PDB file of N, CA and C in Angstrom:
ATOM      1  N   MET A   1      32.098 -32.743  -3.284  1.00  0.00           N
ATOM      2  CA  MET A   1      33.535 -32.725  -3.223  1.00  0.00           C
ATOM      3  C   MET A   1      34.015 -31.374  -3.763  1.00  0.00           C
ATOM      4  N   ALA A   2      34.606 -30.592  -2.931  1.00  0.00           N
ATOM      5  CA  ALA A   2      35.050 -29.252  -3.290  1.00  0.00           C
ATOM      6  C   ALA A   2      36.460 -29.278  -3.864  1.00  0.00           C
ATOM      7  N   ILE A   3      36.727 -28.362  -4.761  1.00  0.00           N
ATOM      8  CA  ILE A   3      38.068 -28.223  -5.327  1.00  0.00           C
ATOM      9  C   ILE A   3      38.886 -27.389  -4.354  1.00  0.00           C
ATOM     10  N   ARG A   4      39.992 -27.924  -3.919  1.00  0.00           N
ATOM     11  CA  ARG A   4      40.791 -27.234  -2.903  1.00  0.00           C
ATOM     12  C   ARG A   4      41.983 -26.509  -3.495  1.00  0.00           C
ATOM     13  N   ALA A   5      42.514 -26.998  -4.583  1.00  0.00           N
ATOM     14  CA  ALA A   5      43.691 -26.369  -5.178  1.00  0.00           C
ATOM     15  C   ALA A   5      43.233 -25.205  -6.052  1.00  0.00           C
ATOM     16  N   GLU A   6      43.841 -24.051  -5.838  1.00  0.00           N
ATOM     17  CA  GLU A   6      43.479 -22.880  -6.633  1.00  0.00           C
ATOM     18  C   GLU A   6      44.400 -22.813  -7.845  1.00  0.00           C
ATOM     19  N   HIS A   7      43.795 -22.782  -8.990  1.00  0.00           N
ATOM     20  CA  HIS A   7      44.563 -22.721 -10.225  1.00  0.00           C
ATOM     21  C   HIS A   7      45.008 -21.285 -10.472  1.00  0.00           C
ATOM     22  N   GLU A   8      45.980 -21.136 -11.327  1.00  0.00           N
ATOM     23  CA  GLU A   8      46.539 -19.823 -11.648  1.00  0.00           C
ATOM     24  C   GLU A   8      45.498 -18.919 -12.306  1.00  0.00           C
ATOM     25  N   ILE A   9      44.590 -19.507 -13.064  1.00  0.00           N
ATOM     26  CA  ILE A   9      43.558 -18.698 -13.733  1.00  0.00           C
ATOM     27  C   ILE A   9      42.591 -18.078 -12.722  1.00  0.00           C
ATOM     28  N   HIS A  10      42.392 -18.757 -11.595  1.00  0.00           N
ATOM     29  CA  HIS A  10      41.506 -18.200 -10.568  1.00  0.00           C
ATOM     30  C   HIS A  10      42.065 -16.901 -10.000  1.00  0.00           C
ATOM     31  N   SER A  11      43.344 -16.869  -9.778  1.00  0.00           N
ATOM     32  CA  SER A  11      43.940 -15.642  -9.233  1.00  0.00           C
ATOM     33  C   SER A  11      43.918 -14.518 -10.272  1.00  0.00           C
ATOM     34  N   ARG A  12      44.091 -14.841 -11.555  1.00  0.00           N
ATOM     35  CA  ARG A  12      44.013 -13.807 -12.591  1.00  0.00           C
ATOM     36  C   ARG A  12      42.595 -13.261 -12.704  1.00  0.00           C
ATOM     37  N   ARG A  13      41.609 -14.138 -12.664  1.00  0.00           N
ATOM     38  CA  ARG A  13      40.220 -13.687 -12.752  1.00  0.00           C
ATOM     39  C   ARG A  13      39.839 -12.857 -11.533  1.00  0.00           C
ATOM     40  N   LYS A  14      40.351 -13.251 -10.383  1.00  0.00           N
ATOM     41  CA  LYS A  14      40.053 -12.491  -9.168  1.00  0.00           C
ATOM     42  C   LYS A  14      40.611 -11.081  -9.285  1.00  0.00           C
ATOM     43  N   GLY A  15      41.821 -10.957  -9.805  1.00  0.00           N
ATOM     44  CA  GLY A  15      42.415  -9.638 -10.001  1.00  0.00           C
ATOM     45  C   GLY A  15      41.628  -8.795 -10.991  1.00  0.00           C
ATOM     46  N   ARG A  16      41.165  -9.427 -12.065  1.00  0.00           N
ATOM     47  CA  ARG A  16      40.361  -8.694 -13.045  1.00  0.00           C
ATOM     48  C   ARG A  16      39.016  -8.290 -12.451  1.00  0.00           C
ATOM     49  N   ASN A  17      38.436  -9.177 -11.660  1.00  0.00           N
ATOM     50  CA  ASN A  17      37.155  -8.845 -11.030  1.00  0.00           C
ATOM     51  C   ASN A  17      37.309  -7.664 -10.076  1.00  0.00           C
ATOM     52  N   TYR A  18      38.397  -7.634  -9.339  1.00  0.00           N
ATOM     53  CA  TYR A  18      38.642  -6.487  -8.451  1.00  0.00           C
ATOM     54  C   TYR A  18      38.815  -5.206  -9.268  1.00  0.00           C
ATOM     55  N   GLY A  19      39.503  -5.301 -10.389  1.00  0.00           N
ATOM     56  CA  GLY A  19      39.693  -4.132 -11.247  1.00  0.00           C
ATOM     57  C   GLY A  19      38.380  -3.609 -11.804  1.00  0.00           C
ATOM     58  N   VAL A  20      37.533  -4.511 -12.287  1.00  0.00           N
ATOM     59  CA  VAL A  20      36.222  -4.104 -12.811  1.00  0.00           C
ATOM     60  C   VAL A  20      35.371  -3.525 -11.690  1.00  0.00           C
ATOM     61  N   GLY A  21      35.448  -4.119 -10.511  1.00  0.00           N
ATOM     62  CA  GLY A  21      34.701  -3.592  -9.367  1.00  0.00           C
ATOM     63  C   GLY A  21      35.137  -2.185  -9.002  1.00  0.00           C
ATOM     64  N   LEU A  22      36.445  -1.946  -9.028  1.00  0.00           N
ATOM     65  CA  LEU A  22      36.946  -0.597  -8.729  1.00  0.00           C
ATOM     66  C   LEU A  22      36.516   0.409  -9.793  1.00  0.00           C
ATOM     67  N   LEU A  23      36.517  -0.009 -11.055  1.00  0.00           N
ATOM     68  CA  LEU A  23      36.044   0.880 -12.120  1.00  0.00           C
ATOM     69  C   LEU A  23      34.567   1.227 -11.936  1.00  0.00           C
ATOM     70  N   LEU A  24      33.760   0.235 -11.587  1.00  0.00           N
ATOM     71  CA  LEU A  24      32.341   0.490 -11.359  1.00  0.00           C
ATOM     72  C   LEU A  24      32.131   1.425 -10.175  1.00  0.00           C
ATOM     73  N   LEU A  25      32.867   1.207  -9.105  1.00  0.00           N
ATOM     74  CA  LEU A  25      32.759   2.102  -7.944  1.00  0.00           C
ATOM     75  C   LEU A  25      33.192   3.519  -8.298  1.00  0.00           C
ATOM     76  N   GLY A  26      34.244   3.636  -9.109  1.00  0.00           N
ATOM     77  CA  GLY A  26      34.680   4.961  -9.547  1.00  0.00           C
ATOM     78  C   GLY A  26      33.627   5.657 -10.387  1.00  0.00           C
ATOM     79  N   PHE A  27      33.005   4.922 -11.297  1.00  0.00           N
ATOM     80  CA  PHE A  27      31.947   5.493 -12.129  1.00  0.00           C
ATOM     81  C   PHE A  27      30.760   5.937 -11.280  1.00  0.00           C
ATOM     82  N   ILE A  28      30.359   5.104 -10.335  1.00  0.00           N
ATOM     83  CA  ILE A  28      29.256   5.462  -9.434  1.00  0.00           C
ATOM     84  C   ILE A  28      29.618   6.699  -8.628  1.00  0.00           C
ATOM     85  N   GLY A  29      30.861   6.777  -8.171  1.00  0.00           N
ATOM     86  CA  GLY A  29      31.308   7.950  -7.417  1.00  0.00           C
ATOM     87  C   GLY A  29      31.263   9.219  -8.245  1.00  0.00           C
ATOM     88  N   ILE A  30      31.659   9.124  -9.509  1.00  0.00           N
ATOM     89  CA  ILE A  30      31.626  10.301 -10.388  1.00  0.00           C
ATOM     90  C   ILE A  30      30.189  10.764 -10.613  1.00  0.00           C
ATOM     91  N   VAL A  31      29.287   9.833 -10.904  1.00  0.00           N
ATOM     92  CA  VAL A  31      27.882  10.194 -11.128  1.00  0.00           C
ATOM     93  C   VAL A  31      27.281  10.793  -9.866  1.00  0.00           C
ATOM     94  N   PHE A  32      27.562  10.202  -8.718  1.00  0.00           N
ATOM     95  CA  PHE A  32      27.042  10.727  -7.459  1.00  0.00           C
ATOM     96  C   PHE A  32      27.597  12.122  -7.193  1.00  0.00           C
ATOM     97  N   GLY A  33      28.890  12.302  -7.421  1.00  0.00           N
ATOM     98  CA  GLY A  33      29.504  13.614  -7.206  1.00  0.00           C
ATOM     99  C   GLY A  33      28.912  14.682  -8.106  1.00  0.00           C
ATOM    100  N   LEU A  34      28.710  14.359  -9.381  1.00  0.00           N
ATOM    101  CA  LEU A  34      28.101  15.325 -10.298  1.00  0.00           C
ATOM    102  C   LEU A  34      26.677  15.660  -9.881  1.00  0.00           C
ATOM    103  N   THR A  35      25.947  14.667  -9.400  1.00  0.00           N
ATOM    104  CA  THR A  35      24.579  14.915  -8.940  1.00  0.00           C
ATOM    105  C   THR A  35      24.573  15.839  -7.736  1.00  0.00           C
ATOM    106  N   VAL A  36      25.458  15.598  -6.786  1.00  0.00           N
ATOM    107  CA  VAL A  36      25.522  16.444  -5.593  1.00  0.00           C
ATOM    108  C   VAL A  36      25.895  17.871  -5.971  1.00  0.00           C
ATOM    109  N   VAL A  37      26.864  18.030  -6.859  1.00  0.00           N
ATOM    110  CA  VAL A  37      27.277  19.373  -7.280  1.00  0.00           C
ATOM    111  C   VAL A  37      26.130  20.088  -7.985  1.00  0.00           C
ATOM    112  N   LYS A  38      25.400  19.365  -8.831  1.00  0.00           N
ATOM    113  CA  LYS A  38      24.284  19.987  -9.546  1.00  0.00           C
ATOM    114  C   LYS A  38      23.197  20.422  -8.576  1.00  0.00           C
ATOM    115  N   VAL A  39      22.842  19.578  -7.633  1.00  0.00           N
ATOM    116  CA  VAL A  39      21.765  19.903  -6.699  1.00  0.00           C
ATOM    117  C   VAL A  39      22.187  21.022  -5.756  1.00  0.00           C
ATOM    118  N   LEU A  40      23.414  20.996  -5.275  1.00  0.00           N
ATOM    119  CA  LEU A  40      23.860  22.045  -4.357  1.00  0.00           C
ATOM    120  C   LEU A  40      24.062  23.378  -5.064  1.00  0.00           C
ATOM    121  N   GLY A  41      24.283  23.348  -6.374  1.00  0.00           N
ATOM    122  CA  GLY A  41      24.486  24.577  -7.125  1.00  0.00           C
ATOM    123  C   GLY A  41      23.195  25.289  -7.483  1.00  0.00           C
ATOM    124  N   LEU A  42      22.053  24.663  -7.229  1.00  0.00           N
ATOM    125  CA  LEU A  42      20.775  25.282  -7.560  1.00  0.00           C
ATOM    126  C   LEU A  42      20.402  26.312  -6.505  1.00  0.00           C
ATOM    127  N   THR A  43      19.903  27.442  -6.967  1.00  0.00           N
ATOM    128  CA  THR A  43      19.397  28.432  -6.018  1.00  0.00           C
ATOM    129  C   THR A  43      17.945  28.146  -5.680  1.00  0.00           C
ATOM    130  N   ASP A  44      17.230  27.508  -6.610  1.00  0.00           N
ATOM    131  CA  ASP A  44      15.829  27.165  -6.404  1.00  0.00           C
ATOM    132  C   ASP A  44      15.639  25.729  -6.887  1.00  0.00           C
ATOM    133  N   ILE A  45      14.995  24.885  -6.088  1.00  0.00           N
ATOM    134  CA  ILE A  45      14.866  23.471  -6.427  1.00  0.00           C
ATOM    135  C   ILE A  45      14.024  23.271  -7.683  1.00  0.00           C
ATOM    136  N   ARG A  46      13.168  24.240  -8.037  1.00  0.00           N
ATOM    137  CA  ARG A  46      12.358  24.110  -9.249  1.00  0.00           C
ATOM    138  C   ARG A  46      13.215  24.132 -10.505  1.00  0.00           C
ATOM    139  N   GLN A  47      14.429  24.646 -10.418  1.00  0.00           N
ATOM    140  CA  GLN A  47      15.323  24.661 -11.578  1.00  0.00           C
ATOM    141  C   GLN A  47      15.712  23.248 -12.002  1.00  0.00           C
ATOM    142  N   LEU A  48      15.655  22.306 -11.076  1.00  0.00           N
ATOM    143  CA  LEU A  48      16.010  20.928 -11.394  1.00  0.00           C
ATOM    144  C   LEU A  48      15.037  20.338 -12.409  1.00  0.00           C
ATOM    145  N   GLU A  49      13.789  20.813 -12.406  1.00  0.00           N
ATOM    146  CA  GLU A  49      12.775  20.273 -13.296  1.00  0.00           C
ATOM    147  C   GLU A  49      12.698  21.012 -14.623  1.00  0.00           C
ATOM    148  N   ARG A  50      13.462  22.013 -14.836  1.00  0.00           N
ATOM    149  CA  ARG A  50      13.313  22.838 -16.033  1.00  0.00           C
ATOM    150  C   ARG A  50      13.864  22.183 -17.298  1.00  0.00           C
ATOM    151  N   PHE A  51      14.794  21.300 -17.218  1.00  0.00           N
ATOM    152  CA  PHE A  51      15.463  20.782 -18.406  1.00  0.00           C
ATOM    153  C   PHE A  51      15.095  19.333 -18.693  1.00  0.00           C
ATOM    154  N   ASP A  52      13.804  18.997 -18.614  1.00  0.00           N
ATOM    155  CA  ASP A  52      13.401  17.636 -18.923  1.00  0.00           C
ATOM    156  C   ASP A  52      12.800  17.514 -20.320  1.00  0.00           C
ATOM    157  N   HIS A  53      12.848  18.585 -21.129  1.00  0.00           N
ATOM    158  CA  HIS A  53      12.441  18.589 -22.531  1.00  0.00           C
ATOM    159  C   HIS A  53      10.970  18.226 -22.723  1.00  0.00           C
ATOM    160  N   VAL A  54      10.155  18.536 -21.739  1.00  0.00           N
ATOM    161  CA  VAL A  54       8.722  18.311 -21.827  1.00  0.00           C
ATOM    162  C   VAL A  54       8.035  19.606 -21.446  1.00  0.00           C
ATOM    163  N   ALA A  55       7.008  19.967 -22.197  1.00  0.00           N
ATOM    164  CA  ALA A  55       6.269  21.189 -21.877  1.00  0.00           C
ATOM    165  C   ALA A  55       5.521  20.987 -20.562  1.00  0.00           C
ATOM    166  N   ARG A  56       5.809  21.815 -19.583  1.00  0.00           N
ATOM    167  CA  ARG A  56       5.168  21.709 -18.270  1.00  0.00           C
ATOM    168  C   ARG A  56       4.568  23.061 -17.924  1.00  0.00           C
ATOM    169  N   PRO A  57       3.262  23.224 -18.091  1.00  0.00           N
ATOM    170  CA  PRO A  57       2.631  24.526 -17.865  1.00  0.00           C
ATOM    171  C   PRO A  57       2.818  25.060 -16.453  1.00  0.00           C
ATOM    172  N   GLN A  58       2.924  24.186 -15.474  1.00  0.00           N
ATOM    173  CA  GLN A  58       3.049  24.665 -14.098  1.00  0.00           C
ATOM    174  C   GLN A  58       4.375  25.374 -13.846  1.00  0.00           C
ATOM    175  N   LEU A  59       5.335  25.225 -14.757  1.00  0.00           N
ATOM    176  CA  LEU A  59       6.619  25.885 -14.585  1.00  0.00           C
ATOM    177  C   LEU A  59       6.690  27.231 -15.298  1.00  0.00           C
ATOM    178  N   GLU A  60       5.763  27.474 -16.213  1.00  0.00           N
ATOM    179  CA  GLU A  60       5.749  28.731 -16.953  1.00  0.00           C
ATOM    180  C   GLU A  60       4.793  29.705 -16.283  1.00  0.00           C
ATOM    181  N   PRO A  61       5.188  30.959 -16.114  1.00  0.00           N
ATOM    182  CA  PRO A  61       4.387  31.919 -15.347  1.00  0.00           C
ATOM    183  C   PRO A  61       2.958  32.116 -15.852  1.00  0.00           C
ATOM    184  N   GLY A  62       2.741  32.348 -17.138  1.00  0.00           N
ATOM    185  CA  GLY A  62       1.404  32.655 -17.619  1.00  0.00           C
ATOM    186  C   GLY A  62       0.724  31.512 -18.334  1.00  0.00           C
ATOM    187  N   ALA A  63       1.340  30.371 -18.393  1.00  0.00           N
ATOM    188  CA  ALA A  63       0.808  29.272 -19.186  1.00  0.00           C
ATOM    189  C   ALA A  63      -0.454  28.681 -18.577  1.00  0.00           C
ATOM    190  N   LEU A  64      -0.525  28.596 -17.270  1.00  0.00           N
ATOM    191  CA  LEU A  64      -1.695  28.007 -16.624  1.00  0.00           C
ATOM    192  C   LEU A  64      -2.927  28.869 -16.866  1.00  0.00           C
ATOM    193  N   GLU A  65      -2.776  30.179 -16.732  1.00  0.00           N
ATOM    194  CA  GLU A  65      -3.901  31.077 -16.971  1.00  0.00           C
ATOM    195  C   GLU A  65      -4.333  31.015 -18.434  1.00  0.00           C
ATOM    196  N   ALA A  66      -3.378  30.955 -19.348  1.00  0.00           N
ATOM    197  CA  ALA A  66      -3.694  30.874 -20.773  1.00  0.00           C
ATOM    198  C   ALA A  66      -4.419  29.568 -21.095  1.00  0.00           C
ATOM    199  N   ALA A  67      -4.005  28.473 -20.476  1.00  0.00           N
ATOM    200  CA  ALA A  67      -4.660  27.186 -20.709  1.00  0.00           C
ATOM    201  C   ALA A  67      -6.089  27.202 -20.182  1.00  0.00           C
ATOM    202  N   GLU A  68      -6.301  27.801 -19.012  1.00  0.00           N
ATOM    203  CA  GLU A  68      -7.654  27.897 -18.459  1.00  0.00           C
ATOM    204  C   GLU A  68      -8.534  28.777 -19.344  1.00  0.00           C
ATOM    205  N   GLN A  69      -7.989  29.866 -19.853  1.00  0.00           N
ATOM    206  CA  GLN A  69      -8.742  30.761 -20.727  1.00  0.00           C
ATOM    207  C   GLN A  69      -9.109  30.044 -22.028  1.00  0.00           C
ATOM    208  N   ARG A  70      -8.172  29.297 -22.586  1.00  0.00           N
ATOM    209  CA  ARG A  70      -8.427  28.554 -23.823  1.00  0.00           C
ATOM    210  C   ARG A  70      -9.484  27.480 -23.589  1.00  0.00           C
ATOM    211  N   ALA A  71      -9.448  26.805 -22.447  1.00  0.00           N
ATOM    212  CA  ALA A  71     -10.452  25.789 -22.135  1.00  0.00           C
ATOM    213  C   ALA A  71     -11.832  26.420 -22.006  1.00  0.00           C
ATOM    214  N   ALA A  72     -11.909  27.594 -21.398  1.00  0.00           N
ATOM    215  CA  ALA A  72     -13.188  28.293 -21.269  1.00  0.00           C
ATOM    216  C   ALA A  72     -13.719  28.697 -22.642  1.00  0.00           C
ATOM    217  N   GLU A  73     -12.844  29.160 -23.529  1.00  0.00           N
ATOM    218  CA  GLU A  73     -13.268  29.526 -24.886  1.00  0.00           C
ATOM    219  C   GLU A  73     -13.781  28.313 -25.647  1.00  0.00           C
ATOM    220  N   LEU A  74     -13.094  27.191 -25.531  1.00  0.00           N
ATOM    221  CA  LEU A  74     -13.534  25.978 -26.215  1.00  0.00           C
ATOM    222  C   LEU A  74     -14.868  25.490 -25.669  1.00  0.00           C
ATOM    223  N   GLU A  75     -15.042  25.585 -24.367  1.00  0.00           N
ATOM    224  CA  GLU A  75     -16.301  25.171 -23.755  1.00  0.00           C
ATOM    225  C   GLU A  75     -17.441  26.073 -24.214  1.00  0.00           C
ATOM    226  N   ALA A  76     -17.196  27.375 -24.285  1.00  0.00           N
ATOM    227  CA  ALA A  76     -18.219  28.310 -24.752  1.00  0.00           C
ATOM    228  C   ALA A  76     -18.564  28.032 -26.210  1.00  0.00           C
ATOM    229  N   THR A  77     -17.568  27.730 -27.019  1.00  0.00           N
ATOM    230  CA  THR A  77     -17.806  27.425 -28.428  1.00  0.00           C
ATOM    231  C   THR A  77     -18.615  26.145 -28.581  1.00  0.00           C
ATOM    232  N   SER A  78     -18.274  25.121 -27.817  1.00  0.00           N
ATOM    233  CA  SER A  78     -19.006  23.850 -27.921  1.00  0.00           C
ATOM    234  C   SER A  78     -20.431  24.000 -27.396  1.00  0.00           C
ATOM    235  N   ASN A  79     -20.645  24.829 -26.365  1.00  0.00           N
ATOM    236  CA  ASN A  79     -21.993  25.071 -25.850  1.00  0.00           C
ATOM    237  C   ASN A  79     -22.827  25.829 -26.875  1.00  0.00           C
ATOM    238  N   ALA A  80     -22.221  26.781 -27.583  1.00  0.00           N
ATOM    239  CA  ALA A  80     -22.935  27.555 -28.600  1.00  0.00           C
ATOM    240  C   ALA A  80     -23.325  26.664 -29.774  1.00  0.00           C
ATOM    241  N   GLU A  81     -22.451  25.746 -30.164  1.00  0.00           N
ATOM    242  CA  GLU A  81     -22.758  24.832 -31.259  1.00  0.00           C
ATOM    243  C   GLU A  81     -23.833  23.841 -30.852  1.00  0.00           C
ATOM    244  N   ALA A  82     -23.831  23.420 -29.605  1.00  0.00           N
ATOM    245  CA  ALA A  82     -24.821  22.455 -29.127  1.00  0.00           C
ATOM    246  C   ALA A  82     -26.207  23.082 -29.042  1.00  0.00           C
ATOM    247  N   SER A  83     -26.282  24.366 -28.747  1.00  0.00           N
ATOM    248  CA  SER A  83     -27.580  25.029 -28.610  1.00  0.00           C
ATOM    249  C   SER A  83     -28.193  25.368 -29.963  1.00  0.00           C
ATOM    250  N   GLU A  84     -27.424  25.338 -31.044  1.00  0.00           N
ATOM    251  CA  GLU A  84     -27.949  25.659 -32.381  1.00  0.00           C
ATOM    252  C   GLU A  84     -28.705  24.547 -32.953  1.00  0.00           C
TER     253      GLU A  84
END
């Protein structure tokens, strides 16, 4: 048995729900707009990955070579200690 008469509170809640829905859509629109502006403003897509607050050797020019050199030095040191 369905309720057919709409109470006054139903219309007030419906209005509030529409208001909250519009606020959520506005917030989503703002975030989407800021994302589009940020991505379109980049001259190089690699710039998007630069500000993640994590050390990423592949983004630094000489870091990969330095890491490989350090690994080779450590390997040589461990081989020298193992042979003694």
